């Protein structure tokens, strides 16, 4: 690829102030060479009516659930997850690949250029590589002893040809209620990035601490209660570190927040998922006040209607302001940073992406605000966060290359494969 310049009405670097009539110069190596004014860098390919922002970083996804939308909506957490377990069991790996392809395409169409995906079958790595989506693929591990890693090793070997600098391997001991401390220790010994689910629901705490509550009907799928919360269990075992990111953390108390902060654990905040499942509202202000990096993430359409990070940013703002009863409690700038640089940080990729800075990978989302309620644009950050949507994404670039163009790019084979798999689960 030869070097190129792209320009728009505004460029929002995230690390730095918005630039009116801005441009991004991209080198032949796919890295950003310069960010500045059009007169200095040249207009190149112009996107009138648009705002260029860093590619969004969705730090917690499950691509393999891309077609699960609406399954069990309104069910309590335990029967809801039971329904998903039973329906997932109807699929083979090829069908999981097809579904993951739908999810990867939706991410790119939504301006997302990198994901942190917890992958049951490893299909997320294959799907991301196929469409040019950046990813850290955390292969999921479940079990009560270290033999659980045998399945991880099988998946790792199978997806090895799809891994690269853009699609990297991680491991996800699923949660403290499905993995013992020994399994977490074995995962940590691999030396890979780790992502896990922590403190998501009240039922999780009831089971872990006392072996009681709504989780008891699923006891056959769970590890014996350790008598303490997941965060405390991992902290006491020395298993929390900057290489660990935690999804949810809705029900972390003050002491647990301090344990996460002291260990350098980042949190993937999934406000729509937490809300749709009735799990609660995460204490984002307290997490950030403790020095914890918080990223905004979507989780999956199994619990959230889409991989749309624009909707997720808006929900994060609404809940944070409502909880604090202050309109300044969480700004559009806070949300955009959490959905870009914050995601990069908790995935360990902040030196490579997440903001428009020379030397970083040229991952861009170009958002068209022409004829939107925010046009003409006064504040480009507020306009993108409050008015952005997948339908308004004009282009998505990963490493300086077009990976999505509105009206041009289509993934019809993936769509058909996903619909076929969904139909099988509904039989």
Protein backbone atom coordinates (compact mmCIF):
# COMPACT_ATOMS: atom_id res chain seq x y z
CA UNK A 1 0.00 0.00 0.00
CA UNK A 2 1.29 3.44 -0.89
CA UNK A 3 1.01 6.35 1.53
CA UNK A 4 -2.22 8.38 1.58
CA UNK A 5 -3.86 11.38 3.18
CA UNK A 6 -7.48 11.47 4.35
CA UNK A 7 -9.20 14.66 5.46
CA UNK A 8 -12.53 15.76 6.89
CA UNK A 9 -14.32 18.72 8.43
CA UNK A 10 -12.88 17.66 11.78
CA UNK A 11 -10.21 15.31 13.09
CA UNK A 12 -10.49 14.18 16.73
CA UNK A 13 -7.15 12.70 17.86
CA UNK A 14 -8.41 11.87 21.42
CA UNK A 15 -4.91 12.66 22.67
CA UNK A 16 -5.12 16.30 21.72
CA UNK A 17 -7.74 18.88 20.82
CA UNK A 18 -10.07 18.50 17.81
CA UNK A 19 -8.75 19.94 14.55
CA UNK A 20 -11.11 21.80 12.22
CA UNK A 21 -10.39 21.07 8.54
CA UNK A 22 -7.98 18.35 9.63
CA UNK A 23 -6.12 15.57 7.88
CA UNK A 24 -4.28 12.35 8.70
CA UNK A 25 -1.19 11.37 6.70
CA UNK A 26 -0.65 7.61 6.52
CA UNK A 27 2.63 5.98 5.57
CA UNK A 28 3.14 3.02 3.30
CA UNK A 29 3.66 0.91 6.41
CA UNK A 30 0.11 1.61 7.60
CA UNK A 31 1.22 3.85 10.45
CA UNK A 32 0.21 7.46 11.06
CA UNK A 33 2.86 9.88 9.81
CA UNK A 34 1.21 13.15 10.80
CA UNK A 35 -2.03 14.66 12.06
CA UNK A 36 -2.73 18.30 11.32
CA UNK A 37 -4.41 20.92 9.16
CA UNK A 38 -5.33 20.34 5.54
CA UNK A 39 -3.16 23.23 4.30
CA UNK A 40 -0.13 21.54 5.89
CA UNK A 41 -0.78 17.91 4.97
CA UNK A 42 -2.89 18.27 1.85
CA UNK A 43 -6.51 17.34 1.35
CA UNK A 44 -5.90 13.90 -0.12
CA UNK A 45 -9.17 11.97 -0.09
CA UNK A 46 -11.68 14.36 1.41
CA UNK A 47 -14.73 13.33 3.42
CA UNK A 48 -16.94 16.44 3.56
CA UNK A 49 -19.44 16.58 6.40
CA UNK A 50 -17.45 13.99 8.34
CA UNK A 51 -15.43 13.67 11.53
CA UNK A 52 -12.37 11.39 11.67
CA UNK A 53 -11.87 9.67 15.02
CA UNK A 54 -9.60 6.81 16.09
CA UNK A 55 -11.00 3.42 15.23
CA UNK A 56 -13.20 2.30 18.10
CA UNK A 57 -11.82 -0.40 20.40
CA UNK A 58 -14.49 -2.79 21.68
CA UNK A 59 -12.67 -4.37 24.60
CA UNK A 60 -15.15 -7.13 25.43
CA UNK A 61 -17.06 -9.02 22.75
CA UNK A 62 -18.23 -12.50 21.85
CA UNK A 63 -18.34 -12.59 18.04
CA UNK A 64 -19.65 -16.15 18.12
CA UNK A 65 -22.95 -14.89 19.58
CA UNK A 66 -23.56 -12.32 16.83
CA UNK A 67 -26.91 -13.85 15.79
CA UNK A 68 -28.22 -14.61 19.30
CA UNK A 69 -30.10 -11.30 19.58
CA UNK A 70 -33.34 -11.51 21.55
CA UNK A 71 -32.89 -15.07 22.79
CA UNK A 72 -34.58 -15.25 26.19
CA UNK A 73 -35.13 -11.51 26.49
CA UNK A 74 -36.58 -10.71 29.89
CA UNK A 75 -35.63 -14.02 31.50
CA UNK A 76 -33.80 -13.95 34.84
CA UNK A 77 -30.03 -14.43 34.52
CA UNK A 78 -29.94 -18.17 35.30
CA UNK A 79 -32.64 -19.42 32.88
CA UNK A 80 -31.32 -16.95 30.31
CA UNK A 81 -27.81 -18.41 30.42
CA UNK A 82 -29.27 -21.93 30.48
CA UNK A 83 -31.14 -21.20 27.25
CA UNK A 84 -27.94 -20.02 25.59
CA UNK A 85 -25.99 -23.09 26.73
CA UNK A 86 -28.63 -25.40 25.25
CA UNK A 87 -28.85 -23.52 21.95
CA UNK A 88 -25.08 -23.20 21.52
CA UNK A 89 -24.83 -26.97 21.94
CA UNK A 90 -26.77 -27.37 18.65
CA UNK A 91 -23.97 -25.76 16.62
CA UNK A 92 -20.80 -27.19 15.13
CA UNK A 93 -17.52 -25.31 14.69
CA UNK A 94 -18.28 -24.40 11.09
CA UNK A 95 -21.52 -22.75 12.13
CA UNK A 96 -19.69 -20.89 14.89
CA UNK A 97 -17.27 -19.62 12.23
CA UNK A 98 -20.18 -18.36 10.17
CA UNK A 99 -21.67 -16.50 13.13
CA UNK A 100 -18.30 -15.00 14.07
CA UNK A 101 -17.99 -13.73 10.52
CA UNK A 102 -21.23 -11.81 10.95
CA UNK A 103 -19.92 -10.27 14.17
CA UNK A 104 -16.58 -9.25 12.68
CA UNK A 105 -18.33 -7.58 9.75
CA UNK A 106 -20.73 -5.74 12.06
CA UNK A 107 -17.81 -4.39 14.08
CA UNK A 108 -16.11 -2.93 11.02
CA UNK A 109 -19.40 -1.51 9.75
CA UNK A 110 -19.78 0.17 13.14
CA UNK A 111 -16.39 1.90 13.06
CA UNK A 112 -14.70 -0.62 15.36
CA UNK A 113 -11.18 -1.55 14.31
CA UNK A 114 -10.01 -3.69 17.26
CA UNK A 115 -11.80 -6.03 19.65
CA UNK A 116 -11.03 -8.02 22.76
CA UNK A 117 -13.04 -11.18 22.11
CA UNK A 118 -13.75 -14.03 24.50
CA UNK A 119 -14.04 -16.90 22.06
CA UNK A 120 -15.54 -20.29 22.85
CA UNK A 121 -14.28 -22.05 19.71
CA UNK A 122 -11.51 -19.74 18.50
CA UNK A 123 -13.61 -18.80 15.48
CA UNK A 124 -13.18 -15.12 16.32
CA UNK A 125 -9.53 -15.29 15.26
CA UNK A 126 -10.45 -16.75 11.89
CA UNK A 127 -13.25 -14.26 11.36
CA UNK A 128 -11.16 -11.22 12.32
CA UNK A 129 -8.30 -12.26 10.05
CA UNK A 130 -10.66 -12.85 7.13
CA UNK A 131 -12.00 -9.27 7.16
CA UNK A 132 -8.97 -7.40 8.50
CA UNK A 133 -10.32 -6.61 11.95
CA UNK A 134 -7.74 -6.19 14.73
CA UNK A 135 -8.26 -8.46 17.74
CA UNK A 136 -6.98 -9.99 20.92
CA UNK A 137 -8.75 -13.34 20.95
CA UNK A 138 -9.11 -14.71 24.47
CA UNK A 139 -9.81 -18.41 24.04
CA UNK A 140 -12.24 -19.43 26.76
CA UNK A 141 -11.39 -22.02 29.39
CA UNK A 142 -13.87 -23.74 31.71
CA UNK A 143 -13.17 -26.40 34.32
CA UNK A 144 -12.16 -27.56 37.76
CA UNK A 145 -8.59 -28.70 37.07
CA UNK A 146 -5.71 -28.06 34.71
CA UNK A 147 -6.99 -30.61 32.18
CA UNK A 148 -9.29 -27.76 31.12
CA UNK A 149 -6.32 -26.34 29.25
CA UNK A 150 -6.18 -29.32 26.91
CA UNK A 151 -9.11 -27.83 25.00
CA UNK A 152 -7.34 -24.45 24.94
CA UNK A 153 -4.24 -26.08 23.44
CA UNK A 154 -6.29 -27.78 20.73
CA UNK A 155 -7.94 -24.50 19.75
CA UNK A 156 -4.65 -22.60 19.92
CA UNK A 157 -3.02 -25.04 17.50
CA UNK A 158 -5.98 -24.93 15.12
CA UNK A 159 -6.14 -21.13 14.89
CA UNK A 160 -2.36 -20.56 14.90
CA UNK A 161 -2.23 -19.88 11.12
CA UNK A 162 -4.67 -16.97 11.55
CA UNK A 163 -2.68 -15.19 14.27
CA UNK A 164 -0.55 -12.15 13.45
CA UNK A 165 0.51 -8.76 14.80
CA UNK A 166 -3.08 -7.63 14.24
CA UNK A 167 -4.82 -10.75 15.60
CA UNK A 168 -3.23 -11.93 18.82
CA UNK A 169 -3.85 -14.77 21.22
CA UNK A 170 -5.06 -14.46 24.78
CA UNK A 171 -6.78 -16.75 27.25
CA UNK A 172 -10.02 -16.32 29.15
CA UNK A 173 -10.59 -18.37 32.28
CA UNK A 174 -14.29 -17.69 31.99
CA UNK A 175 -15.26 -16.70 35.54
CA UNK A 176 -14.63 -17.71 39.16
CA UNK A 177 -17.86 -19.71 39.15
CA UNK A 178 -16.77 -21.83 36.15
CA UNK A 179 -13.01 -22.02 36.82
CA UNK A 180 -11.15 -22.97 39.98
CA UNK A 181 -8.15 -21.09 41.30
CA UNK A 182 -5.95 -23.87 39.91
CA UNK A 183 -7.31 -23.24 36.41
CA UNK A 184 -6.68 -19.51 36.77
CA UNK A 185 -3.11 -20.28 37.87
CA UNK A 186 -2.56 -22.54 34.85
CA UNK A 187 -3.89 -19.82 32.54
CA UNK A 188 -1.62 -17.21 34.14
CA UNK A 189 1.37 -19.51 33.61
CA UNK A 190 0.84 -19.29 29.84
CA UNK A 191 2.13 -15.71 29.85
CA UNK A 192 -0.70 -14.48 27.64
CA UNK A 193 -3.09 -11.56 28.06
CA UNK A 194 -6.05 -12.64 30.21
CA UNK A 195 -9.65 -11.52 30.24
CA UNK A 196 -12.25 -12.83 32.67
CA UNK A 197 -15.77 -12.05 33.88
CA UNK A 198 -15.92 -10.66 37.42
CA UNK A 199 -18.67 -9.43 39.77
CA UNK A 200 -21.32 -9.36 37.06
CA UNK A 201 -24.45 -10.21 39.04
CA UNK A 202 -25.74 -10.57 42.62
CA UNK A 203 -26.36 -14.27 41.93
CA UNK A 204 -22.65 -14.73 41.23
CA UNK A 205 -21.73 -13.37 44.66
CA UNK A 206 -24.39 -15.53 46.37
CA UNK A 207 -22.99 -18.69 44.79
CA UNK A 208 -19.32 -17.96 45.33
CA UNK A 209 -19.66 -16.86 48.94
CA UNK A 210 -22.31 -19.26 50.21
CA UNK A 211 -23.33 -21.72 47.51
CA UNK A 212 -26.84 -20.29 47.57
CA UNK A 213 -29.16 -18.22 45.43
CA UNK A 214 -30.35 -18.27 41.84
CA UNK A 215 -27.30 -20.15 40.53
CA UNK A 216 -28.08 -23.39 42.39
CA UNK A 217 -30.09 -24.94 39.47
CA UNK A 218 -26.90 -24.75 37.38
CA UNK A 219 -24.67 -26.30 40.03
CA UNK A 220 -23.53 -29.07 37.66
CA UNK A 221 -21.87 -26.43 35.46
CA UNK A 222 -20.25 -24.54 38.34
CA UNK A 223 -17.17 -24.99 40.51
CA UNK A 224 -17.62 -25.59 44.26
CA UNK A 225 -18.14 -22.28 46.08
CA UNK A 226 -14.77 -20.99 47.34
CA UNK A 227 -16.39 -19.07 50.18
CA UNK A 228 -15.32 -15.65 48.93
CA UNK A 229 -15.94 -13.35 45.98
CA UNK A 230 -14.15 -13.78 42.69
CA UNK A 231 -12.12 -10.59 43.01
CA UNK A 232 -10.96 -11.46 46.52
CA UNK A 233 -10.16 -15.04 45.49
CA UNK A 234 -7.93 -13.92 42.62
CA UNK A 235 -6.31 -11.15 44.67
CA UNK A 236 -5.44 -13.51 47.53
CA UNK A 237 -3.90 -15.93 45.03
CA UNK A 238 -1.81 -13.18 43.42
CA UNK A 239 -3.63 -13.66 40.12
CA UNK A 240 -4.58 -10.04 39.44
CA UNK A 241 -2.11 -8.03 37.35
CA UNK A 242 -1.92 -5.46 34.53
CA UNK A 243 -2.11 -8.34 32.04
CA UNK A 244 -5.63 -9.10 33.30
CA UNK A 245 -8.75 -7.27 32.14
CA UNK A 246 -12.09 -7.85 33.79
CA UNK A 247 -15.51 -7.60 32.17
CA UNK A 248 -18.42 -6.03 34.07
CA UNK A 249 -17.37 -5.52 37.75
CA UNK A 250 -20.89 -4.29 38.47
CA UNK A 251 -20.93 -5.54 42.06
CA UNK A 252 -17.42 -4.67 43.22
CA UNK A 253 -17.38 -3.13 46.68
CA UNK A 254 -14.92 -0.49 47.86
CA UNK A 255 -12.34 -3.02 49.00
CA UNK A 256 -12.58 -4.97 45.77
CA UNK A 257 -12.20 -1.81 43.71
CA UNK A 258 -9.03 -1.07 45.65
CA UNK A 259 -7.75 -4.61 44.98
CA UNK A 260 -8.33 -4.15 41.23
CA UNK A 261 -6.66 -0.75 41.25
CA UNK A 262 -3.63 -1.92 43.21
CA UNK A 263 -3.09 -4.78 40.74
CA UNK A 264 -3.51 -2.59 37.64
CA UNK A 265 -6.51 -4.51 36.31
CA UNK A 266 -8.54 -2.71 33.64
CA UNK A 267 -12.33 -2.99 33.48
CA UNK A 268 -14.51 -3.46 30.39
CA UNK A 269 -17.74 -1.62 31.20
CA UNK A 270 -20.78 -3.06 29.37
CA UNK A 271 -23.70 -0.85 30.43
CA UNK A 272 -26.32 -2.13 27.99
CA UNK A 273 -25.63 -5.78 28.78
CA UNK A 274 -25.68 -5.10 32.50
CA UNK A 275 -28.98 -3.26 32.11
CA UNK A 276 -30.76 -5.68 29.78
CA UNK A 277 -29.90 -8.61 32.07
CA UNK A 278 -30.97 -6.72 35.16
CA UNK A 279 -27.52 -7.07 36.70
CA UNK A 280 -27.25 -3.45 37.80
CA UNK A 281 -25.18 -0.35 37.08
CA UNK A 282 -21.41 -0.42 37.48
CA UNK A 283 -19.79 2.13 39.78
CA UNK A 284 -17.81 3.79 37.01
CA UNK A 285 -17.03 6.97 38.95
CA UNK A 286 -15.62 4.97 41.85
CA UNK A 287 -13.60 2.72 39.53
CA UNK A 288 -12.03 5.70 37.80
CA UNK A 289 -11.47 7.58 41.05
CA UNK A 290 -9.44 4.60 42.24
CA UNK A 291 -7.21 4.91 39.17
CA UNK A 292 -8.68 1.98 37.23
CA UNK A 293 -8.76 2.25 33.43
CA UNK A 294 -12.34 1.78 32.29
CA UNK A 295 -13.14 0.87 28.70
CA UNK A 296 -16.60 0.89 27.16
CA UNK A 297 -17.54 -2.41 25.52
CA UNK A 298 -20.67 -4.06 24.14
CA UNK A 299 -20.44 -7.67 25.31
CA UNK A 300 -22.45 -9.65 22.71
CA UNK A 301 -25.88 -9.67 21.05
CA UNK A 302 -26.73 -12.56 23.36
CA UNK A 303 -27.31 -9.90 26.01
CA UNK A 304 -27.13 -6.66 24.00
CA UNK A 305 -28.86 -5.99 20.67
CA UNK A 306 -25.68 -5.20 18.74
CA UNK A 307 -21.94 -4.49 18.64
CA UNK A 308 -22.79 -0.77 18.26
CA UNK A 309 -20.30 1.16 20.43
CA UNK A 310 -22.03 4.46 19.70
CA UNK A 311 -25.14 3.22 21.51
CA UNK A 312 -22.92 1.86 24.26
CA UNK A 313 -21.21 5.23 24.76
CA UNK A 314 -24.57 6.95 25.02
CA UNK A 315 -25.82 4.42 27.55
CA UNK A 316 -22.66 4.85 29.62
CA UNK A 317 -23.26 8.60 29.71
CA UNK A 318 -26.93 8.29 30.63
CA UNK A 319 -26.31 5.83 33.47
CA UNK A 320 -23.32 7.71 34.89
CA UNK A 321 -25.16 11.03 34.90
CA UNK A 322 -28.33 9.48 36.28
CA UNK A 323 -26.47 7.70 39.05
CA UNK A 324 -24.58 10.85 40.05
CA UNK A 325 -27.56 13.16 39.43
CA UNK A 326 -25.17 15.52 37.63
CA UNK A 327 -24.97 16.31 33.91
CA UNK A 328 -21.20 16.76 34.15
CA UNK A 329 -20.60 13.37 35.78
CA UNK A 330 -19.53 11.73 32.51
CA UNK A 331 -18.86 13.69 29.34
CA UNK A 332 -18.87 12.78 25.66
CA UNK A 333 -15.08 13.13 25.77
CA UNK A 334 -14.92 10.66 28.65
CA UNK A 335 -17.01 8.19 26.67
CA UNK A 336 -15.03 8.53 23.44
CA UNK A 337 -11.74 8.08 25.25
CA UNK A 338 -13.09 4.98 27.01
CA UNK A 339 -14.23 3.53 23.67
CA UNK A 340 -10.87 4.15 21.98
CA UNK A 341 -7.78 4.71 24.10
CA UNK A 342 -9.35 3.10 27.18
CA UNK A 343 -10.02 -0.09 25.25
CA UNK A 344 -6.49 -0.08 23.86
CA UNK A 345 -5.08 0.35 27.36
CA UNK A 346 -6.88 -2.57 28.97
CA UNK A 347 -5.89 -4.79 26.03
CA UNK A 348 -2.24 -3.73 26.40
CA UNK A 349 -2.23 -2.01 23.00
CA UNK A 350 -2.11 1.67 23.96
CA UNK A 351 1.31 2.19 22.38
CA UNK A 352 -0.04 0.93 19.05
CA UNK A 353 -3.57 2.25 18.65
CA UNK A 354 -6.48 3.99 20.33
CA UNK A 355 -5.58 7.58 19.38
CA UNK A 356 -4.43 9.48 16.31
CA UNK A 357 -0.76 9.96 17.08
CA UNK A 358 2.22 9.67 14.71
CA UNK A 359 3.71 6.19 14.93
CA UNK A 360 0.47 4.47 15.87
CA UNK A 361 -1.45 2.21 13.51
CA UNK A 362 -3.67 4.16 11.15
CA UNK A 363 -6.98 2.83 12.45
CA UNK A 364 -9.69 5.36 11.64
CA UNK A 365 -13.45 5.62 11.84
CA UNK A 366 -14.91 8.28 9.55
CA UNK A 367 -18.33 9.38 10.76
CA UNK A 368 -20.69 11.25 8.43
CA UNK A 369 -22.72 13.91 10.26
CA UNK A 370 -24.11 15.68 7.20
CA UNK A 371 -27.81 16.45 7.73
CA UNK A 372 -27.65 15.06 11.24
CA UNK A 373 -29.19 17.10 14.09
CA UNK A 374 -25.60 18.15 14.92
CA UNK A 375 -24.94 19.63 11.46
CA UNK A 376 -23.28 22.15 11.30
CA UNK A 377 -21.00 20.72 13.94
CA UNK A 378 -20.15 22.83 16.97
CA UNK A 379 -18.46 20.19 19.13
CA UNK A 380 -17.20 17.25 17.03
CA UNK A 381 -16.77 14.96 20.03
CA UNK A 382 -20.33 15.46 21.27
CA UNK A 383 -21.59 15.17 17.70
CA UNK A 384 -19.89 11.81 17.13
CA UNK A 385 -20.78 10.32 20.51
CA UNK A 386 -24.37 11.56 20.66
CA UNK A 387 -25.13 11.37 16.95
CA UNK A 388 -22.97 8.56 15.61
CA UNK A 389 -24.32 5.21 14.46
CA UNK A 390 -23.26 2.35 12.18
CA UNK A 391 -25.39 3.89 9.42
CA UNK A 392 -23.33 7.07 9.69
CA UNK A 393 -19.94 5.36 9.38
CA UNK A 394 -18.68 6.34 5.95
CA UNK A 395 -15.46 4.31 6.14
CA UNK A 396 -13.40 2.22 8.51
CA UNK A 397 -9.63 1.93 8.01
CA UNK A 398 -7.36 -0.59 9.72
CA UNK A 399 -3.65 -0.04 9.28
CA UNK A 400 -4.43 2.60 6.66
CA UNK A 401 -6.40 0.20 4.48
CA UNK A 402 -10.11 0.40 3.76
CA UNK A 403 -11.91 -2.41 5.53
CA UNK A 404 -15.38 -0.94 5.16
CA UNK A 405 -16.92 1.60 2.78
CA UNK A 406 -20.56 2.51 3.15
CA UNK A 407 -22.57 1.49 0.11
CA UNK A 408 -19.73 -0.59 -1.30
CA UNK A 409 -18.59 -3.21 1.21
CA UNK A 410 -20.93 -6.15 1.80
CA UNK A 411 -20.48 -9.52 3.43
CA UNK A 412 -23.39 -11.45 1.94
CA UNK A 413 -21.90 -14.91 2.44
CA UNK A 414 -21.37 -14.22 6.14
CA UNK A 415 -24.91 -12.91 6.49
CA UNK A 416 -26.38 -16.03 4.91
CA UNK A 417 -24.23 -18.31 7.07
CA UNK A 418 -25.28 -16.48 10.21
CA UNK A 419 -28.97 -16.62 9.35
CA UNK A 420 -28.71 -20.34 8.66
CA UNK A 421 -27.07 -20.97 12.03
CA UNK A 422 -29.68 -18.89 13.84
CA UNK A 423 -32.45 -20.84 12.13
CA UNK A 424 -30.93 -24.09 13.34
CA UNK A 425 -30.92 -22.85 16.93
CA UNK A 426 -34.60 -21.94 16.65
CA UNK A 427 -35.72 -25.40 15.50
